[in-house]
């Protein structure tokens, strides 16, 4: 077995399956930390345990200051797939791979997106309340509708978007896909219809489901202008990242009746402040950024994160899970 004699800082949220892989290696020392640790305290922890050779992160930010504090960083891993809290250029500059958990949580997020579509279409929240409050006689005023025959526009056709598409196809929906980085032939091969112009595709969609990463290009992607292009019977689903949707514009569209509803697992500020104005709208369903955090997904992500880190420490990082591919050369 390859030996490294390396020290890892690992968030306490890492699953037992991930911890078990580290425990098999006598050459690996693991130090746990609280996922909600402040930036200053995390830097202090890195300095205290330096040299630190790998970190497994939840929501913790990581960039130049943390690289300096760790002194000998070899791999930065996310227990998930989003990496908007990581300074990727800083890592690339020092040839440190940023690794994500591959497809570990993609089925879970895809299921959450479909769940939100179904909950909105079938008026799950309203009809539940209707029965409990004795308003049975008013049920025909809240008729649900079918996903069957409807059109969904999926924005982003990566690990999660492709799986969401499969589930929508199973509901016999027409699936449009906007992703300028995926060849049209690959989208067609998946049984979907590629669209080259997001603005032109928006008016035809009954549901818009976001599955793109948060980048400079996608921040504010769904703004007032794009919301105005959607039909008033359409629904917006965001299980990707807060900030891709401009929340103030979404609120205005919903209140004005220019959009039928929304399902949100993510927010611009997390946790969102108490009394957030979107909370009071009856046509909005919300969740606390847990689309990819099921029991099974946590096990899969923890195991994949550990395998990612060990592969990098052993000198052969799993290439498919490396975000900054330039470090591999």
C-alpha atoms as a PDB file:
ATOM      1  CA  UNK A   1       0.000   0.000   0.000  1.00  0.00           C
ATOM      2  CA  UNK A   2       1.193   3.496  -0.847  1.00  0.00           C
ATOM      3  CA  UNK A   3       2.051   5.531   2.247  1.00  0.00           C
ATOM      4  CA  UNK A   4       1.773   9.307   2.568  1.00  0.00           C
ATOM      5  CA  UNK A   5       1.833  10.158   6.270  1.00  0.00           C
ATOM      6  CA  UNK A   6      -0.630  12.970   5.568  1.00  0.00           C
ATOM      7  CA  UNK A   7      -2.970  15.022   7.737  1.00  0.00           C
ATOM      8  CA  UNK A   8      -6.539  15.742   6.642  1.00  0.00           C
ATOM      9  CA  UNK A   9      -9.088  18.218   7.999  1.00  0.00           C
ATOM     10  CA  UNK A  10     -12.533  16.731   7.495  1.00  0.00           C
ATOM     11  CA  UNK A  11     -15.904  18.284   8.294  1.00  0.00           C
ATOM     12  CA  UNK A  12     -17.883  16.386  10.913  1.00  0.00           C
ATOM     13  CA  UNK A  13     -20.674  15.889   8.350  1.00  0.00           C
ATOM     14  CA  UNK A  14     -18.618  13.294   6.455  1.00  0.00           C
ATOM     15  CA  UNK A  15     -20.471   9.971   6.473  1.00  0.00           C
ATOM     16  CA  UNK A  16     -19.309   6.835   8.249  1.00  0.00           C
ATOM     17  CA  UNK A  17     -18.601   5.177   4.911  1.00  0.00           C
ATOM     18  CA  UNK A  18     -16.086   7.900   4.138  1.00  0.00           C
ATOM     19  CA  UNK A  19     -14.519   7.742   7.576  1.00  0.00           C
ATOM     20  CA  UNK A  20     -14.143   3.973   7.257  1.00  0.00           C
ATOM     21  CA  UNK A  21     -11.950   4.384   4.186  1.00  0.00           C
ATOM     22  CA  UNK A  22      -9.649   6.770   6.043  1.00  0.00           C
ATOM     23  CA  UNK A  23      -9.546   4.413   9.026  1.00  0.00           C
ATOM     24  CA  UNK A  24      -8.110   1.682   6.804  1.00  0.00           C
ATOM     25  CA  UNK A  25      -5.004   3.805   6.226  1.00  0.00           C
ATOM     26  CA  UNK A  26      -2.507   3.935   9.075  1.00  0.00           C
ATOM     27  CA  UNK A  27      -0.650   6.675   7.210  1.00  0.00           C
ATOM     28  CA  UNK A  28      -3.610   9.106   7.314  1.00  0.00           C
ATOM     29  CA  UNK A  29      -4.413  11.342  10.303  1.00  0.00           C
ATOM     30  CA  UNK A  30      -7.907  12.836  10.359  1.00  0.00           C
ATOM     31  CA  UNK A  31      -8.905  15.990  12.265  1.00  0.00           C
ATOM     32  CA  UNK A  32     -12.621  16.876  12.367  1.00  0.00           C
ATOM     33  CA  UNK A  33     -14.084  20.376  12.303  1.00  0.00           C
ATOM     34  CA  UNK A  34     -17.533  21.962  12.489  1.00  0.00           C
ATOM     35  CA  UNK A  35     -19.021  22.637   9.051  1.00  0.00           C
ATOM     36  CA  UNK A  36     -20.353  26.006  10.314  1.00  0.00           C
ATOM     37  CA  UNK A  37     -16.929  27.211  11.486  1.00  0.00           C
ATOM     38  CA  UNK A  38     -16.096  30.846  10.762  1.00  0.00           C
ATOM     39  CA  UNK A  39     -13.446  31.718   8.186  1.00  0.00           C
ATOM     40  CA  UNK A  40     -11.138  33.092  10.875  1.00  0.00           C
ATOM     41  CA  UNK A  41     -11.481  30.016  13.061  1.00  0.00           C
ATOM     42  CA  UNK A  42     -10.963  27.696  10.109  1.00  0.00           C
ATOM     43  CA  UNK A  43      -7.770  29.502   9.185  1.00  0.00           C
ATOM     44  CA  UNK A  44      -6.593  29.276  12.773  1.00  0.00           C
ATOM     45  CA  UNK A  45      -7.341  25.547  12.754  1.00  0.00           C
ATOM     46  CA  UNK A  46      -5.337  25.074   9.560  1.00  0.00           C
ATOM     47  CA  UNK A  47      -2.383  26.977  11.021  1.00  0.00           C
ATOM     48  CA  UNK A  48      -2.566  24.990  14.253  1.00  0.00           C
ATOM     49  CA  UNK A  49      -2.431  21.641  12.441  1.00  0.00           C
ATOM     50  CA  UNK A  50      -0.105  22.674   9.600  1.00  0.00           C
ATOM     51  CA  UNK A  51       1.090  21.151   7.490  1.00  0.00           C
ATOM     52  CA  UNK A  52      -2.366  20.042   6.344  1.00  0.00           C
ATOM     53  CA  UNK A  53      -2.407  18.009   3.141  1.00  0.00           C
ATOM     54  CA  UNK A  54      -6.118  17.683   2.380  1.00  0.00           C
ATOM     55  CA  UNK A  55      -9.487  19.111   3.357  1.00  0.00           C
ATOM     56  CA  UNK A  56     -13.016  17.735   2.949  1.00  0.00           C
ATOM     57  CA  UNK A  57     -15.400  20.675   2.936  1.00  0.00           C
ATOM     58  CA  UNK A  58     -19.112  21.253   3.274  1.00  0.00           C
ATOM     59  CA  UNK A  59     -20.026  24.934   2.982  1.00  0.00           C
ATOM     60  CA  UNK A  60     -16.636  26.222   4.215  1.00  0.00           C
ATOM     61  CA  UNK A  61     -14.917  28.733   1.945  1.00  0.00           C
ATOM     62  CA  UNK A  62     -11.414  28.018   0.706  1.00  0.00           C
ATOM     63  CA  UNK A  63      -8.916  30.171  -1.175  1.00  0.00           C
ATOM     64  CA  UNK A  64      -5.529  31.878  -0.966  1.00  0.00           C
ATOM     65  CA  UNK A  65      -5.571  32.525   2.822  1.00  0.00           C
ATOM     66  CA  UNK A  66      -6.425  28.893   3.529  1.00  0.00           C
ATOM     67  CA  UNK A  67      -3.761  27.633   1.136  1.00  0.00           C
ATOM     68  CA  UNK A  68      -1.216  29.778   2.942  1.00  0.00           C
ATOM     69  CA  UNK A  69      -2.367  28.556   6.355  1.00  0.00           C
ATOM     70  CA  UNK A  70      -2.282  24.864   5.415  1.00  0.00           C
ATOM     71  CA  UNK A  71       1.317  25.161   4.101  1.00  0.00           C
ATOM     72  CA  UNK A  72       1.329  21.937   2.040  1.00  0.00           C
ATOM     73  CA  UNK A  73      -2.142  21.398   0.564  1.00  0.00           C
ATOM     74  CA  UNK A  74      -2.388  18.471  -1.866  1.00  0.00           C
ATOM     75  CA  UNK A  75      -6.162  18.189  -2.436  1.00  0.00           C
ATOM     76  CA  UNK A  76      -9.328  20.143  -1.707  1.00  0.00           C
ATOM     77  CA  UNK A  77     -12.504  18.066  -1.817  1.00  0.00           C
ATOM     78  CA  UNK A  78     -16.151  19.077  -1.671  1.00  0.00           C
ATOM     79  CA  UNK A  79     -18.659  16.729  -0.052  1.00  0.00           C
ATOM     80  CA  UNK A  80     -21.012  17.524  -2.903  1.00  0.00           C
ATOM     81  CA  UNK A  81     -20.719  18.956  -6.396  1.00  0.00           C
ATOM     82  CA  UNK A  82     -21.079  22.737  -6.009  1.00  0.00           C
ATOM     83  CA  UNK A  83     -17.884  24.731  -5.657  1.00  0.00           C
ATOM     84  CA  UNK A  84     -18.890  28.404  -5.735  1.00  0.00           C
ATOM     85  CA  UNK A  85     -17.292  28.841  -2.278  1.00  0.00           C
ATOM     86  CA  UNK A  86     -13.899  27.707  -3.600  1.00  0.00           C
ATOM     87  CA  UNK A  87     -11.328  29.965  -5.274  1.00  0.00           C
ATOM     88  CA  UNK A  88     -10.564  27.626  -8.154  1.00  0.00           C
ATOM     89  CA  UNK A  89      -7.917  29.847  -9.853  1.00  0.00           C
ATOM     90  CA  UNK A  90      -6.022  30.044  -6.549  1.00  0.00           C
ATOM     91  CA  UNK A  91      -5.949  26.245  -6.351  1.00  0.00           C
ATOM     92  CA  UNK A  92      -4.935  25.889  -9.984  1.00  0.00           C
ATOM     93  CA  UNK A  93      -2.097  28.348  -9.513  1.00  0.00           C
ATOM     94  CA  UNK A  94      -0.596  26.020  -6.907  1.00  0.00           C
ATOM     95  CA  UNK A  95      -1.477  22.808  -8.790  1.00  0.00           C
ATOM     96  CA  UNK A  96      -3.958  21.703  -6.107  1.00  0.00           C
ATOM     97  CA  UNK A  97      -6.851  19.669  -7.506  1.00  0.00           C
ATOM     98  CA  UNK A  98     -10.396  20.584  -6.526  1.00  0.00           C
ATOM     99  CA  UNK A  99     -12.431  17.387  -6.436  1.00  0.00           C
ATOM    100  CA  UNK A 100     -16.191  16.934  -6.194  1.00  0.00           C
ATOM    101  CA  UNK A 101     -18.341  13.933  -5.382  1.00  0.00           C
ATOM    102  CA  UNK A 102     -19.163  13.040  -8.972  1.00  0.00           C
ATOM    103  CA  UNK A 103     -22.640  11.597  -9.409  1.00  0.00           C
ATOM    104  CA  UNK A 104     -23.103  10.751  -5.720  1.00  0.00           C
ATOM    105  CA  UNK A 105     -25.962  13.176  -5.064  1.00  0.00           C
ATOM    106  CA  UNK A 106     -27.303  13.722  -8.581  1.00  0.00           C
ATOM    107  CA  UNK A 107     -30.179  11.190  -8.332  1.00  0.00           C
ATOM    108  CA  UNK A 108     -31.311  12.861  -5.102  1.00  0.00           C
ATOM    109  CA  UNK A 109     -31.357  16.371  -6.584  1.00  0.00           C
ATOM    110  CA  UNK A 110     -33.144  15.137  -9.701  1.00  0.00           C
ATOM    111  CA  UNK A 111     -35.808  13.513  -7.512  1.00  0.00           C
ATOM    112  CA  UNK A 112     -36.234  16.754  -5.543  1.00  0.00           C
ATOM    113  CA  UNK A 113     -36.710  18.739  -8.748  1.00  0.00           C
ATOM    114  CA  UNK A 114     -39.389  16.305  -9.924  1.00  0.00           C
ATOM    115  CA  UNK A 115     -40.969  16.306  -6.453  1.00  0.00           C
ATOM    116  CA  UNK A 116     -41.287  20.086  -6.576  1.00  0.00           C
ATOM    117  CA  UNK A 117     -42.836  19.942 -10.039  1.00  0.00           C
ATOM    118  CA  UNK A 118     -45.351  17.345  -8.876  1.00  0.00           C
ATOM    119  CA  UNK A 119     -46.125  19.151  -5.615  1.00  0.00           C
ATOM    120  CA  UNK A 120     -46.881  22.367  -7.499  1.00  0.00           C
ATOM    121  CA  UNK A 121     -48.829  20.641 -10.271  1.00  0.00           C
ATOM    122  CA  UNK A 122     -50.887  18.519  -7.887  1.00  0.00           C
ATOM    123  CA  UNK A 123     -51.345  21.407  -5.414  1.00  0.00           C
ATOM    124  CA  UNK A 124     -50.009  19.206  -2.644  1.00  0.00           C
ATOM    125  CA  UNK A 125     -49.686  21.915  -0.004  1.00  0.00           C
ATOM    126  CA  UNK A 126     -53.061  23.555  -0.685  1.00  0.00           C
ATOM    127  CA  UNK A 127     -55.094  20.366  -0.905  1.00  0.00           C
ATOM    128  CA  UNK A 128     -53.488  18.990   2.263  1.00  0.00           C
ATOM    129  CA  UNK A 129     -54.524  22.147   4.116  1.00  0.00           C
ATOM    130  CA  UNK A 130     -57.965  22.132   2.520  1.00  0.00           C
ATOM    131  CA  UNK A 131     -58.839  18.726   3.972  1.00  0.00           C
ATOM    132  CA  UNK A 132     -57.397  19.529   7.405  1.00  0.00           C
ATOM    133  CA  UNK A 133     -59.350  22.783   7.692  1.00  0.00           C
ATOM    134  CA  UNK A 134     -62.684  21.278   6.669  1.00  0.00           C
ATOM    135  CA  UNK A 135     -62.871  23.111   3.345  1.00  0.00           C
ATOM    136  CA  UNK A 136     -63.632  19.941   1.380  1.00  0.00           C
ATOM    137  CA  UNK A 137     -66.508  21.589  -0.519  1.00  0.00           C
ATOM    138  CA  UNK A 138     -64.094  24.077  -2.132  1.00  0.00           C
ATOM    139  CA  UNK A 139     -61.836  21.425  -3.620  1.00  0.00           C
ATOM    140  CA  UNK A 140     -62.928  22.021  -7.226  1.00  0.00           C
ATOM    141  CA  UNK A 141     -61.612  25.570  -7.006  1.00  0.00           C
ATOM    142  CA  UNK A 142     -58.102  24.162  -6.597  1.00  0.00           C
ATOM    143  CA  UNK A 143     -57.882  21.679  -9.415  1.00  0.00           C
ATOM    144  CA  UNK A 144     -54.469  20.065  -9.874  1.00  0.00           C
ATOM    145  CA  UNK A 145     -53.002  19.454 -13.312  1.00  0.00           C
ATOM    146  CA  UNK A 146     -50.868  16.796 -15.008  1.00  0.00           C
ATOM    147  CA  UNK A 147     -47.200  16.807 -15.913  1.00  0.00           C
ATOM    148  CA  UNK A 148     -48.232  14.529 -18.789  1.00  0.00           C
ATOM    149  CA  UNK A 149     -47.998  16.459 -22.044  1.00  0.00           C
ATOM    150  CA  UNK A 150     -46.338  19.501 -20.493  1.00  0.00           C
ATOM    151  CA  UNK A 151     -43.034  21.003 -21.590  1.00  0.00           C
ATOM    152  CA  UNK A 152     -40.079  21.362 -19.246  1.00  0.00           C
ATOM    153  CA  UNK A 153     -36.991  23.416 -20.045  1.00  0.00           C
ATOM    154  CA  UNK A 154     -33.910  22.070 -18.288  1.00  0.00           C
ATOM    155  CA  UNK A 155     -31.080  24.585 -17.945  1.00  0.00           C
ATOM    156  CA  UNK A 156     -27.813  22.693 -17.540  1.00  0.00           C
ATOM    157  CA  UNK A 157     -27.333  19.146 -18.810  1.00  0.00           C
ATOM    158  CA  UNK A 158     -24.631  17.771 -16.536  1.00  0.00           C
ATOM    159  CA  UNK A 159     -24.792  15.104 -13.849  1.00  0.00           C
ATOM    160  CA  UNK A 160     -28.080  16.373 -12.409  1.00  0.00           C
ATOM    161  CA  UNK A 161     -29.759  17.836 -15.470  1.00  0.00           C
ATOM    162  CA  UNK A 162     -29.417  14.582 -17.396  1.00  0.00           C
ATOM    163  CA  UNK A 163     -31.068  12.648 -14.569  1.00  0.00           C
ATOM    164  CA  UNK A 164     -33.853  15.191 -14.204  1.00  0.00           C
ATOM    165  CA  UNK A 165     -34.494  14.842 -17.920  1.00  0.00           C
ATOM    166  CA  UNK A 166     -34.872  11.059 -17.596  1.00  0.00           C
ATOM    167  CA  UNK A 167     -37.454  11.476 -14.859  1.00  0.00           C
ATOM    168  CA  UNK A 168     -39.389  14.069 -16.837  1.00  0.00           C
ATOM    169  CA  UNK A 169     -39.383  11.837 -19.904  1.00  0.00           C
ATOM    170  CA  UNK A 170     -40.829   9.072 -17.741  1.00  0.00           C
ATOM    171  CA  UNK A 171     -43.703  11.451 -16.907  1.00  0.00           C
ATOM    172  CA  UNK A 172     -44.263  11.781 -20.678  1.00  0.00           C
ATOM    173  CA  UNK A 173     -43.229  15.414 -20.766  1.00  0.00           C
ATOM    174  CA  UNK A 174     -41.562  17.171 -23.667  1.00  0.00           C
ATOM    175  CA  UNK A 175     -38.029  17.957 -22.500  1.00  0.00           C
ATOM    176  CA  UNK A 176     -36.154  20.954 -23.858  1.00  0.00           C
ATOM    177  CA  UNK A 177     -32.517  21.414 -22.858  1.00  0.00           C
ATOM    178  CA  UNK A 178     -30.409  24.563 -22.827  1.00  0.00           C
ATOM    179  CA  UNK A 179     -26.708  23.992 -22.258  1.00  0.00           C
ATOM    180  CA  UNK A 180     -24.252  25.774 -24.562  1.00  0.00           C
ATOM    181  CA  UNK A 181     -21.460  23.437 -23.453  1.00  0.00           C
ATOM    182  CA  UNK A 182     -23.151  20.169 -24.443  1.00  0.00           C
ATOM    183  CA  UNK A 183     -23.339  19.119 -28.116  1.00  0.00           C
ATOM    184  CA  UNK A 184     -26.845  19.080 -29.560  1.00  0.00           C
ATOM    185  CA  UNK A 185     -26.312  15.489 -30.676  1.00  0.00           C
ATOM    186  CA  UNK A 186     -25.764  14.358 -27.078  1.00  0.00           C
ATOM    187  CA  UNK A 187     -28.990  16.048 -25.982  1.00  0.00           C
ATOM    188  CA  UNK A 188     -30.917  14.477 -28.850  1.00  0.00           C
ATOM    189  CA  UNK A 189     -29.435  11.066 -28.034  1.00  0.00           C
ATOM    190  CA  UNK A 190     -30.950  11.399 -24.553  1.00  0.00           C
ATOM    191  CA  UNK A 191     -34.411  11.847 -26.076  1.00  0.00           C
ATOM    192  CA  UNK A 192     -34.523  15.600 -25.481  1.00  0.00           C
ATOM    193  CA  UNK A 193     -34.738  18.645 -27.732  1.00  0.00           C
ATOM    194  CA  UNK A 194     -31.728  20.998 -27.673  1.00  0.00           C
ATOM    195  CA  UNK A 195     -32.346  24.747 -27.701  1.00  0.00           C
ATOM    196  CA  UNK A 196     -29.610  27.201 -28.622  1.00  0.00           C
ATOM    197  CA  UNK A 197     -31.329  30.378 -27.396  1.00  0.00           C
ATOM    198  CA  UNK A 198     -32.514  30.465 -23.785  1.00  0.00           C
ATOM    199  CA  UNK A 199     -34.627  33.581 -24.281  1.00  0.00           C
ATOM    200  CA  UNK A 200     -36.396  32.066 -27.281  1.00  0.00           C
ATOM    201  CA  UNK A 201     -37.140  28.831 -25.385  1.00  0.00           C
ATOM    202  CA  UNK A 202     -38.586  30.374 -22.215  1.00  0.00           C
ATOM    203  CA  UNK A 203     -42.033  31.311 -23.604  1.00  0.00           C
ATOM    204  CA  UNK A 204     -42.815  27.704 -24.558  1.00  0.00           C
ATOM    205  CA  UNK A 205     -42.003  26.051 -21.215  1.00  0.00           C
ATOM    206  CA  UNK A 206     -44.511  25.034 -18.551  1.00  0.00           C
ATOM    207  CA  UNK A 207     -41.660  24.345 -16.127  1.00  0.00           C
ATOM    208  CA  UNK A 208     -38.114  25.714 -16.055  1.00  0.00           C
ATOM    209  CA  UNK A 209     -35.748  23.611 -13.930  1.00  0.00           C
ATOM    210  CA  UNK A 210     -32.274  24.973 -13.162  1.00  0.00           C
ATOM    211  CA  UNK A 211     -29.310  22.588 -12.986  1.00  0.00           C
ATOM    212  CA  UNK A 212     -26.324  24.760 -13.894  1.00  0.00           C
ATOM    213  CA  UNK A 213     -23.410  25.661 -11.607  1.00  0.00           C
ATOM    214  CA  UNK A 214     -23.217  29.144 -10.145  1.00  0.00           C
ATOM    215  CA  UNK A 215     -20.548  31.046 -12.045  1.00  0.00           C
ATOM    216  CA  UNK A 216     -19.984  34.607 -13.205  1.00  0.00           C
ATOM    217  CA  UNK A 217     -21.912  33.628 -16.336  1.00  0.00           C
ATOM    218  CA  UNK A 218     -24.943  32.190 -14.533  1.00  0.00           C
ATOM    219  CA  UNK A 219     -25.267  34.568 -11.568  1.00  0.00           C
ATOM    220  CA  UNK A 220     -28.497  36.466 -12.144  1.00  0.00           C
ATOM    221  CA  UNK A 221     -29.298  34.255 -15.139  1.00  0.00           C
ATOM    222  CA  UNK A 222     -33.014  34.320 -14.334  1.00  0.00           C
ATOM    223  CA  UNK A 223     -33.657  38.028 -13.962  1.00  0.00           C
ATOM    224  CA  UNK A 224     -36.631  40.320 -14.498  1.00  0.00           C
ATOM    225  CA  UNK A 225     -36.148  40.301 -18.251  1.00  0.00           C
ATOM    226  CA  UNK A 226     -36.140  36.519 -18.531  1.00  0.00           C
ATOM    227  CA  UNK A 227     -38.992  36.116 -16.062  1.00  0.00           C
ATOM    228  CA  UNK A 228     -41.056  38.415 -18.275  1.00  0.00           C
ATOM    229  CA  UNK A 229     -40.553  36.003 -21.191  1.00  0.00           C
ATOM    230  CA  UNK A 230     -42.115  33.085 -19.297  1.00  0.00           C
ATOM    231  CA  UNK A 231     -45.828  32.483 -19.648  1.00  0.00           C
ATOM    232  CA  UNK A 232     -48.006  33.300 -16.621  1.00  0.00           C
ATOM    233  CA  UNK A 233     -48.898  29.620 -16.187  1.00  0.00           C
ATOM    234  CA  UNK A 234     -45.240  28.550 -15.912  1.00  0.00           C
ATOM    235  CA  UNK A 235     -43.378  27.371 -12.809  1.00  0.00           C
ATOM    236  CA  UNK A 236     -39.699  27.898 -11.922  1.00  0.00           C
ATOM    237  CA  UNK A 237     -37.718  25.235 -10.049  1.00  0.00           C
ATOM    238  CA  UNK A 238     -34.295  26.007  -8.566  1.00  0.00           C
ATOM    239  CA  UNK A 239     -32.377  23.165  -6.930  1.00  0.00           C
ATOM    240  CA  UNK A 240     -29.035  24.484  -8.213  1.00  0.00           C
ATOM    241  CA  UNK A 241     -27.656  27.518  -6.365  1.00  0.00           C
ATOM    242  CA  UNK A 242     -28.993  30.694  -4.845  1.00  0.00           C
ATOM    243  CA  UNK A 243     -28.110  33.756  -6.891  1.00  0.00           C
ATOM    244  CA  UNK A 244     -28.858  32.157 -10.250  1.00  0.00           C
ATOM    245  CA  UNK A 245     -32.366  33.559  -9.761  1.00  0.00           C
ATOM    246  CA  UNK A 246     -32.823  37.213  -8.833  1.00  0.00           C
ATOM    247  CA  UNK A 247     -35.194  36.779  -5.883  1.00  0.00           C
ATOM    248  CA  UNK A 248     -36.626  40.303  -5.912  1.00  0.00           C
ATOM    249  CA  UNK A 249     -37.571  39.902  -9.567  1.00  0.00           C
ATOM    250  CA  UNK A 250     -39.063  36.471  -8.887  1.00  0.00           C
ATOM    251  CA  UNK A 251     -41.188  37.898  -6.071  1.00  0.00           C
ATOM    252  CA  UNK A 252     -42.463  40.715  -8.274  1.00  0.00           C
ATOM    253  CA  UNK A 253     -43.383  38.285 -11.070  1.00  0.00           C
ATOM    254  CA  UNK A 254     -45.230  35.967  -8.669  1.00  0.00           C
ATOM    255  CA  UNK A 255     -47.162  38.759  -6.937  1.00  0.00           C
ATOM    256  CA  UNK A 256     -48.135  40.321 -10.258  1.00  0.00           C
ATOM    257  CA  UNK A 257     -49.408  36.995 -11.601  1.00  0.00           C
ATOM    258  CA  UNK A 258     -46.796  36.898 -14.357  1.00  0.00           C
ATOM    259  CA  UNK A 259     -45.604  33.501 -13.091  1.00  0.00           C
ATOM    260  CA  UNK A 260     -47.722  30.714 -11.609  1.00  0.00           C
ATOM    261  CA  UNK A 261     -45.338  29.515  -8.902  1.00  0.00           C
ATOM    262  CA  UNK A 262     -41.888  28.393  -7.864  1.00  0.00           C
ATOM    263  CA  UNK A 263     -40.043  25.649  -6.015  1.00  0.00           C
ATOM    264  CA  UNK A 264     -36.843  26.778  -4.272  1.00  0.00           C
ATOM    265  CA  UNK A 265     -34.275  24.670  -2.467  1.00  0.00           C
ATOM    266  CA  UNK A 266     -31.645  27.433  -2.528  1.00  0.00           C
ATOM    267  CA  UNK A 267     -31.497  31.148  -1.753  1.00  0.00           C
ATOM    268  CA  UNK A 268     -29.290  34.179  -2.403  1.00  0.00           C
ATOM    269  CA  UNK A 269     -28.446  34.312   1.315  1.00  0.00           C
ATOM    270  CA  UNK A 270     -28.409  31.058   3.275  1.00  0.00           C
ATOM    271  CA  UNK A 271     -30.038  30.637   5.618  1.00  0.00           C
ATOM    272  CA  UNK A 272     -32.513  33.218   4.327  1.00  0.00           C
ATOM    273  CA  UNK A 273     -33.648  35.805   6.892  1.00  0.00           C
ATOM    274  CA  UNK A 274     -36.800  35.136   8.891  1.00  0.00           C
ATOM    275  CA  UNK A 275     -39.733  36.873   7.271  1.00  0.00           C
ATOM    276  CA  UNK A 276     -38.296  36.607   3.752  1.00  0.00           C
ATOM    277  CA  UNK A 277     -41.052  37.936   1.511  1.00  0.00           C
ATOM    278  CA  UNK A 278     -41.122  34.804  -0.665  1.00  0.00           C
ATOM    279  CA  UNK A 279     -42.137  32.758   2.404  1.00  0.00           C
ATOM    280  CA  UNK A 280     -45.633  34.247   2.508  1.00  0.00           C
ATOM    281  CA  UNK A 281     -46.595  33.422  -1.062  1.00  0.00           C
ATOM    282  CA  UNK A 282     -48.989  30.466  -1.343  1.00  0.00           C
ATOM    283  CA  UNK A 283     -47.631  29.469  -4.757  1.00  0.00           C
ATOM    284  CA  UNK A 284     -44.048  28.984  -3.537  1.00  0.00           C
ATOM    285  CA  UNK A 285     -42.683  25.817  -1.926  1.00  0.00           C
ATOM    286  CA  UNK A 286     -39.319  25.943  -0.219  1.00  0.00           C
ATOM    287  CA  UNK A 287     -36.664  23.661   1.281  1.00  0.00           C
ATOM    288  CA  UNK A 288     -33.425  24.361   3.222  1.00  0.00           C
ATOM    289  CA  UNK A 289     -30.834  23.437   0.546  1.00  0.00           C
ATOM    290  CA  UNK A 290     -31.214  19.701   1.111  1.00  0.00           C
ATOM    291  CA  UNK A 291     -32.041  18.455  -2.398  1.00  0.00           C
ATOM    292  CA  UNK A 292     -28.777  16.537  -2.533  1.00  0.00           C
ATOM    293  CA  UNK A 293     -28.714  15.581   1.138  1.00  0.00           C
ATOM    294  CA  UNK A 294     -30.651  12.351   1.494  1.00  0.00           C
ATOM    295  CA  UNK A 295     -29.514   9.494   3.729  1.00  0.00           C
ATOM    296  CA  UNK A 296     -28.295   7.566   0.716  1.00  0.00           C
ATOM    297  CA  UNK A 297     -26.645  10.566  -0.913  1.00  0.00           C
ATOM    298  CA  UNK A 298     -24.710  11.392   2.256  1.00  0.00           C
ATOM    299  CA  UNK A 299     -23.316   7.863   2.290  1.00  0.00           C
ATOM    300  CA  UNK A 300     -22.397   8.020  -1.384  1.00  0.00           C
ATOM    301  CA  UNK A 301     -20.876  11.507  -1.129  1.00  0.00           C
ATOM    302  CA  UNK A 302     -18.830  10.656   1.946  1.00  0.00           C
ATOM    303  CA  UNK A 303     -17.414   7.534   0.350  1.00  0.00           C
ATOM    304  CA  UNK A 304     -16.658   9.299  -2.927  1.00  0.00           C
ATOM    305  CA  UNK A 305     -15.040  12.237  -1.131  1.00  0.00           C
ATOM    306  CA  UNK A 306     -12.711   9.907   0.751  1.00  0.00           C
ATOM    307  CA  UNK A 307     -11.831   8.016  -2.447  1.00  0.00           C
ATOM    308  CA  UNK A 308     -11.166  11.335  -4.183  1.00  0.00           C
ATOM    309  CA  UNK A 309      -8.797  12.545  -1.488  1.00  0.00           C
ATOM    310  CA  UNK A 310      -6.909   9.278  -1.206  1.00  0.00           C
ATOM    311  CA  UNK A 311      -6.506   9.070  -4.971  1.00  0.00           C
ATOM    312  CA  UNK A 312      -4.948  12.536  -5.043  1.00  0.00           C
ATOM    313  CA  UNK A 313      -2.667  11.817  -2.095  1.00  0.00           C
ATOM    314  CA  UNK A 314      -1.566   8.610  -3.825  1.00  0.00           C
ATOM    315  CA  UNK A 315      -0.616  10.605  -6.916  1.00  0.00           C
ATOM    316  CA  UNK A 316      -3.429   9.489  -9.230  1.00  0.00           C
ATOM    317  CA  UNK A 317      -6.500  11.717  -8.689  1.00  0.00           C
ATOM    318  CA  UNK A 318      -9.744  10.408 -10.183  1.00  0.00           C
ATOM    319  CA  UNK A 319      -9.736  12.635 -13.255  1.00  0.00           C
ATOM    320  CA  UNK A 320     -13.493  12.644 -13.832  1.00  0.00           C
ATOM    321  CA  UNK A 321     -14.019  14.295 -10.430  1.00  0.00           C
ATOM    322  CA  UNK A 322     -11.368  17.012 -10.809  1.00  0.00           C
ATOM    323  CA  UNK A 323     -12.849  20.462 -11.574  1.00  0.00           C
ATOM    324  CA  UNK A 324      -9.604  22.242 -12.459  1.00  0.00           C
ATOM    325  CA  UNK A 325      -8.426  19.811 -15.095  1.00  0.00           C
ATOM    326  CA  UNK A 326      -5.409  21.997 -15.846  1.00  0.00           C
ATOM    327  CA  UNK A 327      -3.662  20.691 -12.712  1.00  0.00           C
ATOM    328  CA  UNK A 328      -3.611  17.152 -14.124  1.00  0.00           C
ATOM    329  CA  UNK A 329      -1.127  18.115 -16.817  1.00  0.00           C
END
